[in-house]
């Protein structure tokens, strides 16, 4: 691992590190010198990521405040500081508004929004004395309506506004804590596997790659889904001093989806 990396010497907590964007981010930050803690509801998956980068791991239910307090307390006890939090845990759900249950709606918002609130709250408390960078993963779907994904889009739009407000509170309080979001377009992650329509596409097309390609029907030639590491590089920028003048911003990474 690099000792001259862009986040060398930093202590980072990556939430959702078992797979997808979270795993790619944990690997990249470790390559750039950070001490990385990997957390996820999938504790075994987080531990596997941690082993691959000589990091630490912890199970974490992002909707449980006591879990957040325990994980951050363990980091502070071992390192005395938390420099970076990346909240990339999330769930997706597709259903017309008229068919959606209240439980469906609340489940999506609990994970995607409440989890970001709790992480940001406790990271700010941990970073007050030393400063730091919080990166919350939103989505381009939070910036442009996506019919059939109202709960998901609403949760991600709220993540953007919440993050901007929390960032301004830190500025007003004179804290050296930056809070930003990344807003990816379509990314090839395991999140899609939980979607019944995607499983149907796999059955119809014969593979995940073919299913992703089928979803691009009608898009301009050359369109594609992003790879997780392409989003991870944007998160690395926001975690590093290169973005020291950036806070309260939404970094859109969507190949022009919302242009």
Protein backbone atom coordinates (compact mmCIF):
# COMPACT_ATOMS: atom_id res chain seq x y z
CA UNK A 1 0.00 0.00 0.00
CA UNK A 2 1.12 3.50 -0.80
CA UNK A 3 2.58 5.66 1.95
CA UNK A 4 2.44 8.68 -0.35
CA UNK A 5 -1.20 8.34 -1.37
CA UNK A 6 -3.84 11.01 -1.59
CA UNK A 7 -5.34 10.04 1.77
CA UNK A 8 -2.18 8.76 3.46
CA UNK A 9 -2.49 8.62 7.24
CA UNK A 10 -6.27 9.11 7.26
CA UNK A 11 -8.69 6.87 9.10
CA UNK A 12 -11.73 6.09 6.98
CA UNK A 13 -15.00 4.31 7.68
CA UNK A 14 -16.66 2.90 4.57
CA UNK A 15 -20.28 1.87 5.03
CA UNK A 16 -21.66 -0.62 2.53
CA UNK A 17 -18.17 -2.03 2.01
CA UNK A 18 -19.22 -5.62 1.32
CA UNK A 19 -19.82 -4.97 -2.38
CA UNK A 20 -20.34 -2.46 -5.17
CA UNK A 21 -19.34 1.17 -4.71
CA UNK A 22 -18.50 0.68 -1.04
CA UNK A 23 -16.10 -2.18 -1.70
CA UNK A 24 -14.43 -0.34 -4.59
CA UNK A 25 -14.03 2.75 -2.40
CA UNK A 26 -12.52 0.80 0.48
CA UNK A 27 -9.97 -0.78 -1.86
CA UNK A 28 -9.07 2.53 -3.51
CA UNK A 29 -8.69 4.50 -0.27
CA UNK A 30 -6.49 1.75 1.14
CA UNK A 31 -4.34 1.88 -2.00
CA UNK A 32 -3.92 5.59 -1.36
CA UNK A 33 -2.68 5.14 2.19
CA UNK A 34 -5.78 5.29 4.38
CA UNK A 35 -6.45 3.01 7.31
CA UNK A 36 -9.84 1.63 6.31
CA UNK A 37 -12.66 0.26 8.43
CA UNK A 38 -15.19 -1.71 6.38
CA UNK A 39 -18.75 -1.99 7.63
CA UNK A 40 -21.94 -3.47 6.27
CA UNK A 41 -25.11 -5.26 7.34
CA UNK A 42 -23.40 -8.16 5.55
CA UNK A 43 -20.70 -8.51 8.21
CA UNK A 44 -19.03 -11.42 6.44
CA UNK A 45 -18.82 -9.44 3.22
CA UNK A 46 -17.34 -6.45 5.05
CA UNK A 47 -14.80 -8.74 6.69
CA UNK A 48 -13.82 -10.18 3.30
CA UNK A 49 -13.21 -6.69 1.93
CA UNK A 50 -11.20 -5.78 5.02
CA UNK A 51 -9.01 -8.87 4.69
CA UNK A 52 -8.23 -7.99 1.08
CA UNK A 53 -6.83 -4.60 2.10
CA UNK A 54 -5.47 -5.40 5.57
CA UNK A 55 -8.20 -3.26 7.08
CA UNK A 56 -10.65 -3.61 9.96
CA UNK A 57 -14.29 -4.60 9.76
CA UNK A 58 -17.52 -4.33 11.71
CA UNK A 59 -21.11 -5.33 11.13
CA UNK A 60 -23.41 -2.32 10.94
CA UNK A 61 -27.16 -1.89 10.60
CA UNK A 62 -27.32 1.72 9.39
CA UNK A 63 -30.84 2.15 10.81
CA UNK A 64 -29.64 1.35 14.34
CA UNK A 65 -28.16 4.34 16.16
CA UNK A 66 -26.52 2.17 18.82
CA UNK A 67 -24.65 0.31 16.05
CA UNK A 68 -23.27 3.60 14.72
CA UNK A 69 -22.19 4.69 18.19
CA UNK A 70 -20.45 1.36 18.80
CA UNK A 71 -18.54 1.29 15.51
CA UNK A 72 -17.36 4.90 15.72
CA UNK A 73 -16.42 4.47 19.39
CA UNK A 74 -14.25 1.47 18.42
CA UNK A 75 -12.51 3.52 15.73
CA UNK A 76 -11.84 6.39 18.12
CA UNK A 77 -10.60 4.02 20.82
CA UNK A 78 -8.06 2.47 18.44
CA UNK A 79 -6.98 5.48 16.37
CA UNK A 80 -8.09 8.56 18.30
CA UNK A 81 -9.67 10.06 15.20
CA UNK A 82 -12.02 9.58 12.26
CA UNK A 83 -11.07 11.50 9.12
CA UNK A 84 -13.38 10.13 6.44
CA UNK A 85 -16.87 8.67 6.42
CA UNK A 86 -18.34 7.27 3.21
CA UNK A 87 -22.00 6.27 3.50
CA UNK A 88 -22.73 4.06 0.51
CA UNK A 89 -25.17 1.55 2.01
CA UNK A 90 -28.56 1.59 0.34
CA UNK A 91 -31.46 -0.38 -1.06
CA UNK A 92 -33.50 0.05 -4.19
CA UNK A 93 -37.17 -0.62 -4.82
CA UNK A 94 -39.38 -0.29 -7.88
CA UNK A 95 -43.15 -0.01 -7.63
CA UNK A 96 -45.82 2.40 -8.92
CA UNK A 97 -46.98 4.85 -6.26
CA UNK A 98 -50.53 3.50 -6.43
CA UNK A 99 -49.34 -0.03 -5.61
CA UNK A 100 -46.81 0.82 -2.92
CA UNK A 101 -47.44 0.03 0.73
CA UNK A 102 -46.52 2.32 3.60
CA UNK A 103 -44.10 -0.36 4.81
CA UNK A 104 -42.36 -0.39 1.40
CA UNK A 105 -42.01 3.38 1.48
CA UNK A 106 -40.72 3.51 5.04
CA UNK A 107 -38.24 0.66 4.53
CA UNK A 108 -36.50 2.48 1.67
CA UNK A 109 -36.35 5.79 3.54
CA UNK A 110 -35.13 4.15 6.75
CA UNK A 111 -32.09 2.65 5.05
CA UNK A 112 -31.31 5.30 2.45
CA UNK A 113 -32.09 8.44 4.44
CA UNK A 114 -32.18 7.61 8.15
CA UNK A 115 -28.91 5.72 7.76
CA UNK A 116 -27.23 8.76 6.20
CA UNK A 117 -28.61 11.02 8.94
CA UNK A 118 -27.27 8.78 11.71
CA UNK A 119 -23.86 8.37 10.09
CA UNK A 120 -23.49 12.09 9.46
CA UNK A 121 -24.61 12.97 12.99
CA UNK A 122 -22.10 10.71 14.70
CA UNK A 123 -19.28 11.43 12.26
CA UNK A 124 -19.64 15.17 12.92
CA UNK A 125 -19.37 14.48 16.64
CA UNK A 126 -16.25 12.36 16.07
CA UNK A 127 -14.65 14.92 13.73
CA UNK A 128 -15.27 18.12 15.69
CA UNK A 129 -11.75 18.40 17.06
CA UNK A 130 -9.79 17.18 14.04
CA UNK A 131 -11.94 17.92 11.00
CA UNK A 132 -12.76 15.52 8.23
CA UNK A 133 -14.72 14.68 5.11
CA UNK A 134 -18.13 13.03 4.92
CA UNK A 135 -19.25 11.66 1.57
CA UNK A 136 -22.85 10.51 1.26
CA UNK A 137 -23.76 8.45 -1.78
CA UNK A 138 -26.93 9.77 -3.40
CA UNK A 139 -27.97 9.13 -7.01
CA UNK A 140 -28.74 10.89 -10.25
CA UNK A 141 -32.22 9.47 -9.63
CA UNK A 142 -32.45 11.98 -6.78
CA UNK A 143 -31.95 14.83 -9.23
CA UNK A 144 -34.28 13.66 -11.99
CA UNK A 145 -37.56 11.82 -11.62
CA UNK A 146 -37.57 8.09 -12.38
CA UNK A 147 -41.12 6.74 -12.78
CA UNK A 148 -41.57 3.54 -10.81
CA UNK A 149 -38.81 4.42 -8.35
CA UNK A 150 -40.50 7.16 -6.34
CA UNK A 151 -39.37 5.95 -2.91
CA UNK A 152 -35.77 5.48 -4.05
CA UNK A 153 -35.66 8.81 -5.89
CA UNK A 154 -37.22 10.64 -2.95
CA UNK A 155 -34.73 9.15 -0.51
CA UNK A 156 -31.79 10.13 -2.69
CA UNK A 157 -33.10 13.66 -3.28
CA UNK A 158 -33.43 14.03 0.47
CA UNK A 159 -29.86 12.82 0.98
CA UNK A 160 -28.65 15.71 -1.20
CA UNK A 161 -30.60 18.38 0.68
CA UNK A 162 -29.78 16.91 4.07
CA UNK A 163 -26.06 16.83 3.21
CA UNK A 164 -26.07 20.43 1.98
CA UNK A 165 -27.80 21.59 5.16
CA UNK A 166 -25.44 19.66 7.42
CA UNK A 167 -22.47 21.05 5.46
CA UNK A 168 -23.70 24.61 5.99
CA UNK A 169 -24.20 23.96 9.69
CA UNK A 170 -20.55 22.86 9.92
CA UNK A 171 -19.40 25.98 8.05
CA UNK A 172 -21.47 28.23 10.31
CA UNK A 173 -20.07 26.49 13.40
CA UNK A 174 -16.49 26.98 12.20
CA UNK A 175 -15.87 23.24 11.94
CA UNK A 176 -13.31 21.91 9.46
CA UNK A 177 -15.75 19.22 8.36
CA UNK A 178 -16.77 18.98 4.72
CA UNK A 179 -19.93 17.16 3.64
CA UNK A 180 -20.66 16.34 0.01
CA UNK A 181 -22.60 13.84 -2.04
CA UNK A 182 -21.81 11.84 -5.13
CA UNK A 183 -24.74 11.23 -7.47
CA UNK A 184 -24.01 8.30 -9.78
CA UNK A 185 -26.12 7.31 -12.73
CA UNK A 186 -26.51 3.58 -13.45
CA UNK A 187 -23.70 1.54 -11.90
CA UNK A 188 -23.04 -2.19 -12.21
CA UNK A 189 -23.56 -3.25 -8.59
CA UNK A 190 -25.24 -6.18 -6.81
CA UNK A 191 -28.06 -3.79 -5.82
CA UNK A 192 -29.76 -4.63 -9.10
CA UNK A 193 -30.02 -8.31 -8.18
CA UNK A 194 -32.67 -7.52 -5.58
CA UNK A 195 -34.95 -6.11 -8.28
CA UNK A 196 -37.46 -8.65 -9.65
CA UNK A 197 -37.50 -7.01 -13.10
CA UNK A 198 -33.71 -7.39 -13.32
CA UNK A 199 -33.93 -11.08 -12.48
CA UNK A 200 -36.51 -11.39 -15.25
CA UNK A 201 -34.13 -9.63 -17.63
CA UNK A 202 -31.32 -12.02 -16.71
CA UNK A 203 -33.59 -14.98 -17.38
CA UNK A 204 -34.61 -13.47 -20.69
CA UNK A 205 -31.17 -12.35 -21.90
CA UNK A 206 -29.02 -15.08 -20.38
CA UNK A 207 -26.58 -13.06 -18.25
CA UNK A 208 -26.15 -10.01 -16.02
CA UNK A 209 -24.07 -8.23 -18.64
CA UNK A 210 -26.75 -8.83 -21.26
CA UNK A 211 -29.41 -7.60 -18.84
CA UNK A 212 -27.50 -4.37 -18.26
CA UNK A 213 -27.18 -3.94 -22.02
CA UNK A 214 -30.91 -4.52 -22.47
CA UNK A 215 -31.67 -1.69 -20.04
CA UNK A 216 -29.77 0.67 -22.33
CA UNK A 217 -32.21 0.12 -25.20
CA UNK A 218 -33.19 3.48 -26.66
CA UNK A 219 -30.16 5.24 -25.18
CA UNK A 220 -27.54 6.93 -27.40
CA UNK A 221 -24.96 4.68 -29.04
CA UNK A 222 -22.05 3.99 -26.72
CA UNK A 223 -24.12 4.37 -23.53
CA UNK A 224 -23.13 2.06 -20.69
CA UNK A 225 -23.39 1.52 -16.96
CA UNK A 226 -20.53 2.80 -14.82
CA UNK A 227 -18.15 0.48 -13.02
CA UNK A 228 -17.97 0.87 -9.22
CA UNK A 229 -14.34 2.02 -9.31
CA UNK A 230 -15.32 4.99 -11.49
CA UNK A 231 -17.49 6.25 -8.65
CA UNK A 232 -14.83 5.36 -6.08
CA UNK A 233 -12.35 7.72 -7.77
CA UNK A 234 -14.78 10.62 -7.33
CA UNK A 235 -15.17 9.69 -3.65
CA UNK A 236 -11.38 9.61 -3.28
CA UNK A 237 -11.25 13.17 -4.59
CA UNK A 238 -13.83 14.33 -2.03
CA UNK A 239 -12.02 12.49 0.77
CA UNK A 240 -8.67 14.10 -0.09
CA UNK A 241 -7.26 17.59 0.41
CA UNK A 242 -7.67 18.19 -3.32
CA UNK A 243 -11.31 19.06 -2.53
CA UNK A 244 -10.54 21.13 0.57
CA UNK A 245 -12.64 24.06 -0.79
CA UNK A 246 -15.58 21.80 -1.70
CA UNK A 247 -18.49 21.35 0.71
CA UNK A 248 -22.26 21.24 0.35
CA UNK A 249 -21.87 20.04 -3.24
CA UNK A 250 -23.43 17.26 -5.31
CA UNK A 251 -20.90 15.63 -7.63
CA UNK A 252 -22.90 14.14 -10.49
CA UNK A 253 -21.32 11.15 -12.29
CA UNK A 254 -23.88 10.04 -14.84
CA UNK A 255 -22.51 10.43 -18.38
CA UNK A 256 -24.99 13.25 -19.01
CA UNK A 257 -28.12 11.42 -17.79
CA UNK A 258 -29.62 14.57 -16.27
CA UNK A 259 -28.11 17.09 -18.70
